[in-house]
Amino acid sequence: MSKLITLTTNDTTAVHSLGSRGPGTYYEDLWAQDNAILSSVYVDDLEQGASITVTFIDVGLSAKPQDEVDLVTHGTITAAGSVSKKNVSGFHNQPRVKTVISGGYVSYGHWVTLKSESLQAVATGGGTSASEPGDTTVYTGITSANVVTVVPEVAANRILNMSVSVTIDQPFAVRLQVSIDGMANWIRLAPGDSFSIAPKGEIKQIYLDGGNAQVGYEIVLQTLV
């Protein structure tokens, strides 16, 4: 077993810092005493024919080698400049990261942030907070080139939970940028990627920017009634 990587709530930790690694299967064990993990993989460059797949595994409590369940995978990435973000929940306290590199060297980095909130309910369009009843709304659309889209159009209610997904059936080269802090910072998503968070404070709108492309998206917002 590899050395445990201890995660601290709301701090970002490198599972693998940005660097080049050769073909093989790499395992890292995490110590996560909270409910959810935001995982981000960035592939900077690959040798021709190379690929990388990152999977989160929940390790059971029986100590039997077959007592493992796949939780979330970043999928097989084969293009340089790719970014993949996933939300991981449903683990006990020691999820395992399995990274498989095939066909050549890959330059990449993998970072995780431990969260107190599990967004599984809002990501699937249901569920509310027991202490703060919410209303869930799904928004779908396409950004306009060189125009920032605001969702919802009217800043009426505080956002309790949110999930943004980029439609997969569009050119892979397009990117959707998402901001929840008034466009001061942006999260960049590729087709098929998703991002979920329970924002703190009085966040009532999110901002979408597809650059000079039209990018399809789906957003699930749980707002305070």
Protein backbone atom coordinates (compact mmCIF):
# COMPACT_ATOMS: atom_id res chain seq x y z
CA MET A 1 0.00 0.00 0.00
CA SER A 2 1.24 3.48 -0.84
CA LYS A 3 1.67 6.14 1.83
CA LEU A 4 -1.61 7.82 2.76
CA ILE A 5 -2.13 11.34 1.40
CA THR A 6 -3.96 13.24 4.14
CA LEU A 7 -6.60 15.69 2.90
CA THR A 8 -7.66 18.75 4.88
CA THR A 9 -11.11 20.22 4.29
CA ASN A 10 -11.09 23.04 1.69
CA ASP A 11 -7.34 22.71 1.04
CA THR A 12 -6.11 21.55 -2.36
CA THR A 13 -3.56 18.73 -2.43
CA ALA A 14 -1.56 17.29 -5.33
CA VAL A 15 -2.07 13.57 -5.88
CA HIS A 16 0.49 13.91 -8.66
CA SER A 17 2.11 17.31 -9.21
CA LEU A 18 2.60 18.47 -12.79
CA GLY A 19 5.28 16.29 -14.37
CA SER A 20 6.02 13.58 -16.93
CA ARG A 21 5.37 9.92 -16.10
CA GLY A 22 5.82 6.79 -18.15
CA PRO A 23 3.52 3.85 -18.89
CA GLY A 24 2.26 1.93 -15.87
CA THR A 25 -0.40 1.75 -13.18
CA TYR A 26 -0.01 4.07 -10.21
CA TYR A 27 -1.96 3.82 -6.95
CA GLU A 28 -2.34 6.54 -4.31
CA ASP A 29 -4.37 6.14 -1.11
CA LEU A 30 -6.15 9.15 0.37
CA TRP A 31 -7.21 9.84 3.95
CA ALA A 32 -10.41 11.87 3.64
CA GLN A 33 -12.45 12.61 6.76
CA ASP A 34 -15.21 14.56 5.05
CA ASN A 35 -18.00 14.00 2.54
CA ALA A 36 -16.84 14.86 -0.98
CA ILE A 37 -13.79 15.43 -3.16
CA LEU A 38 -13.44 17.79 -6.10
CA SER A 39 -10.88 16.19 -8.43
CA SER A 40 -9.08 18.01 -11.26
CA VAL A 41 -6.78 16.42 -13.86
CA TYR A 42 -4.81 18.57 -16.31
CA VAL A 43 -2.94 16.90 -19.19
CA ASP A 44 -0.22 19.21 -20.49
CA ASP A 45 1.33 16.97 -23.14
CA LEU A 46 1.44 13.35 -24.35
CA GLU A 47 3.65 11.30 -26.58
CA GLN A 48 1.97 10.16 -29.77
CA GLY A 49 -0.33 7.22 -28.99
CA ALA A 50 -0.24 7.80 -25.24
CA SER A 51 -3.30 8.00 -22.97
CA ILE A 52 -4.14 8.42 -19.29
CA THR A 53 -7.11 7.20 -17.24
CA VAL A 54 -7.75 8.25 -13.62
CA THR A 55 -10.27 6.35 -11.49
CA PHE A 56 -11.38 6.73 -7.86
CA ILE A 57 -11.98 3.48 -5.97
CA ASP A 58 -13.76 2.99 -2.65
CA VAL A 59 -11.85 0.51 -0.53
CA GLY A 60 -14.14 -1.67 1.62
CA LEU A 61 -13.74 -2.53 5.27
CA SER A 62 -13.37 -6.31 4.98
CA ALA A 63 -9.64 -6.26 4.13
CA LYS A 64 -10.42 -8.58 1.21
CA PRO A 65 -8.64 -7.61 -2.04
CA GLN A 66 -11.86 -7.89 -4.06
CA ASP A 67 -13.78 -5.58 -1.71
CA GLU A 68 -13.40 -2.49 -3.90
CA VAL A 69 -15.90 -0.45 -5.92
CA ASP A 70 -15.16 2.04 -8.69
CA LEU A 71 -16.65 5.44 -7.79
CA VAL A 72 -15.78 7.98 -10.50
CA THR A 73 -13.48 7.98 -13.51
CA HIS A 74 -12.02 10.90 -15.41
CA GLY A 75 -12.17 8.70 -18.49
CA THR A 76 -9.41 8.08 -21.00
CA ILE A 77 -7.67 11.30 -22.01
CA THR A 78 -5.67 11.37 -25.25
CA ALA A 79 -5.35 15.08 -26.08
CA ALA A 80 -2.85 17.65 -24.78
CA GLY A 81 -4.33 20.65 -23.01
CA SER A 82 -7.25 18.62 -21.63
CA VAL A 83 -8.88 19.48 -18.30
CA SER A 84 -11.23 17.08 -16.48
CA LYS A 85 -13.08 17.88 -13.25
CA LYS A 86 -15.16 15.36 -11.32
CA ASN A 87 -16.98 15.21 -8.01
CA VAL A 88 -16.36 12.14 -5.88
CA SER A 89 -18.62 11.00 -3.04
CA GLY A 90 -19.90 7.76 -1.50
CA PHE A 91 -16.56 6.66 -0.05
CA HIS A 92 -15.75 5.59 3.52
CA ASN A 93 -12.58 7.48 4.48
CA GLN A 94 -9.75 6.01 2.40
CA PRO A 95 -10.57 6.29 -1.31
CA ARG A 96 -7.87 5.05 -3.67
CA VAL A 97 -6.75 6.77 -6.87
CA LYS A 98 -5.77 4.49 -9.76
CA THR A 99 -3.89 6.15 -12.63
CA VAL A 100 -3.20 4.12 -15.78
CA ILE A 101 -0.79 5.49 -18.40
CA SER A 102 -0.50 3.61 -21.68
CA GLY A 103 1.37 4.01 -24.96
CA GLY A 104 4.01 6.53 -23.91
CA TYR A 105 4.91 9.31 -21.51
CA VAL A 106 2.25 11.75 -20.29
CA SER A 107 2.87 15.15 -18.71
CA TYR A 108 0.01 15.86 -16.33
CA GLY A 109 -1.04 16.95 -12.87
CA HIS A 110 -3.82 15.75 -10.55
CA TRP A 111 -5.19 17.80 -7.67
CA VAL A 112 -7.99 17.15 -5.16
CA THR A 113 -9.92 19.37 -2.72
CA LEU A 114 -11.81 17.84 0.21
CA LYS A 115 -15.29 19.32 0.74
CA SER A 116 -17.86 19.23 3.54
CA GLU A 117 -20.77 18.97 1.12
CA SER A 118 -21.79 16.03 -1.01
CA LEU A 119 -23.47 17.34 -4.18
CA GLN A 120 -24.85 14.04 -5.42
CA ALA A 121 -28.45 15.12 -4.82
CA VAL A 122 -28.31 18.41 -6.68
CA ALA A 123 -26.19 16.93 -9.47
CA THR A 124 -28.99 14.50 -10.26
CA GLY A 125 -31.67 17.17 -10.05
CA GLY A 126 -33.13 16.37 -6.63
CA GLY A 127 -32.67 16.79 -2.94
CA THR A 128 -32.68 19.79 -0.64
CA SER A 129 -31.09 20.81 2.61
CA ALA A 130 -33.03 19.92 5.74
CA SER A 131 -32.12 23.25 7.35
CA GLU A 132 -32.51 25.36 4.19
CA PRO A 133 -35.36 24.22 1.91
CA GLY A 134 -34.46 24.84 -1.71
CA ASP A 135 -35.97 24.97 -5.16
CA THR A 136 -34.12 23.06 -7.93
CA THR A 137 -34.08 24.41 -11.50
CA VAL A 138 -32.35 23.02 -14.60
CA TYR A 139 -31.03 25.46 -17.22
CA THR A 140 -29.87 24.32 -20.67
CA GLY A 141 -28.53 26.50 -23.44
CA ILE A 142 -25.70 27.56 -25.74
CA THR A 143 -23.37 30.47 -25.13
CA SER A 144 -23.04 33.22 -27.73
CA ALA A 145 -19.60 33.92 -29.18
CA ASN A 146 -17.67 36.58 -27.25
CA VAL A 147 -20.62 37.21 -24.90
CA VAL A 148 -20.76 36.36 -21.18
CA THR A 149 -23.95 34.50 -20.25
CA VAL A 150 -25.47 35.04 -16.78
CA VAL A 151 -27.57 32.30 -15.12
CA PRO A 152 -30.19 32.99 -13.91
CA GLU A 153 -30.85 36.25 -15.71
CA VAL A 154 -32.31 37.82 -12.55
CA ALA A 155 -30.34 37.59 -9.28
CA ALA A 156 -33.27 36.72 -7.02
CA ASN A 157 -32.33 33.87 -4.65
CA ARG A 158 -29.12 32.65 -3.03
CA ILE A 159 -27.58 29.54 -4.63
CA LEU A 160 -27.28 26.64 -2.17
CA ASN A 161 -25.86 24.04 -4.57
CA MET A 162 -24.90 24.10 -8.22
CA SER A 163 -23.71 21.72 -10.93
CA VAL A 164 -22.46 22.80 -14.38
CA SER A 165 -22.00 20.25 -17.20
CA VAL A 166 -20.67 20.87 -20.70
CA THR A 167 -22.58 19.05 -23.44
CA ILE A 168 -20.46 16.21 -24.79
CA ASP A 169 -21.75 16.18 -28.40
CA GLN A 170 -19.79 19.22 -29.61
CA PRO A 171 -16.22 19.84 -30.86
CA PHE A 172 -13.68 18.83 -28.22
CA ALA A 173 -11.66 21.98 -28.83
CA VAL A 174 -14.36 24.23 -27.31
CA ARG A 175 -14.11 25.26 -23.68
CA LEU A 176 -16.61 26.70 -21.22
CA GLN A 177 -15.37 29.03 -18.51
CA VAL A 178 -17.43 29.30 -15.32
CA SER A 179 -17.20 31.97 -12.62
CA ILE A 180 -19.14 32.26 -9.36
CA ASP A 181 -17.35 35.34 -7.99
CA GLY A 182 -18.21 38.10 -10.43
CA MET A 183 -15.74 36.99 -13.14
CA ALA A 184 -12.66 37.41 -10.93
CA ASN A 185 -11.72 33.72 -11.27
CA TRP A 186 -12.69 31.18 -13.93
CA ILE A 187 -12.98 27.39 -14.00
CA ARG A 188 -12.34 25.92 -17.47
CA LEU A 189 -14.33 22.87 -18.61
CA ALA A 190 -14.11 20.72 -21.74
CA PRO A 191 -17.01 18.84 -23.39
CA GLY A 192 -18.18 16.07 -21.03
CA ASP A 193 -16.69 17.78 -17.97
CA SER A 194 -18.74 18.91 -14.99
CA PHE A 195 -18.22 21.08 -11.92
CA SER A 196 -20.28 21.12 -8.73
CA ILE A 197 -20.03 23.14 -5.55
CA ALA A 198 -22.07 24.46 -2.63
CA PRO A 199 -20.99 28.13 -2.77
CA LYS A 200 -20.64 30.14 0.40
CA GLY A 201 -22.03 33.62 0.85
CA GLU A 202 -24.66 35.51 -1.16
CA ILE A 203 -23.99 33.97 -4.58
CA LYS A 204 -27.11 34.45 -6.72
CA GLN A 205 -25.77 34.17 -10.30
CA ILE A 206 -23.04 32.36 -12.19
CA TYR A 207 -21.21 33.51 -15.31
CA LEU A 208 -20.47 31.46 -18.44
CA ASP A 209 -18.00 32.36 -21.20
CA GLY A 210 -17.44 30.22 -24.29
CA GLY A 211 -14.90 32.61 -25.83
CA ASN A 212 -15.29 32.87 -29.58
CA ALA A 213 -17.26 29.61 -29.75
CA GLN A 214 -20.85 28.59 -29.04
CA VAL A 215 -20.72 26.07 -26.20
CA GLY A 216 -23.66 23.93 -25.02
CA TYR A 217 -24.23 23.53 -21.29
CA GLU A 218 -26.58 22.20 -18.62
CA ILE A 219 -26.83 23.77 -15.19
CA VAL A 220 -28.63 22.51 -12.10
CA LEU A 221 -29.17 25.16 -9.42
CA GLN A 222 -30.66 24.62 -5.98
CA THR A 223 -31.67 28.04 -4.66
CA LEU A 224 -33.04 29.24 -1.34
CA VAL A 225 -36.82 29.54 -1.46
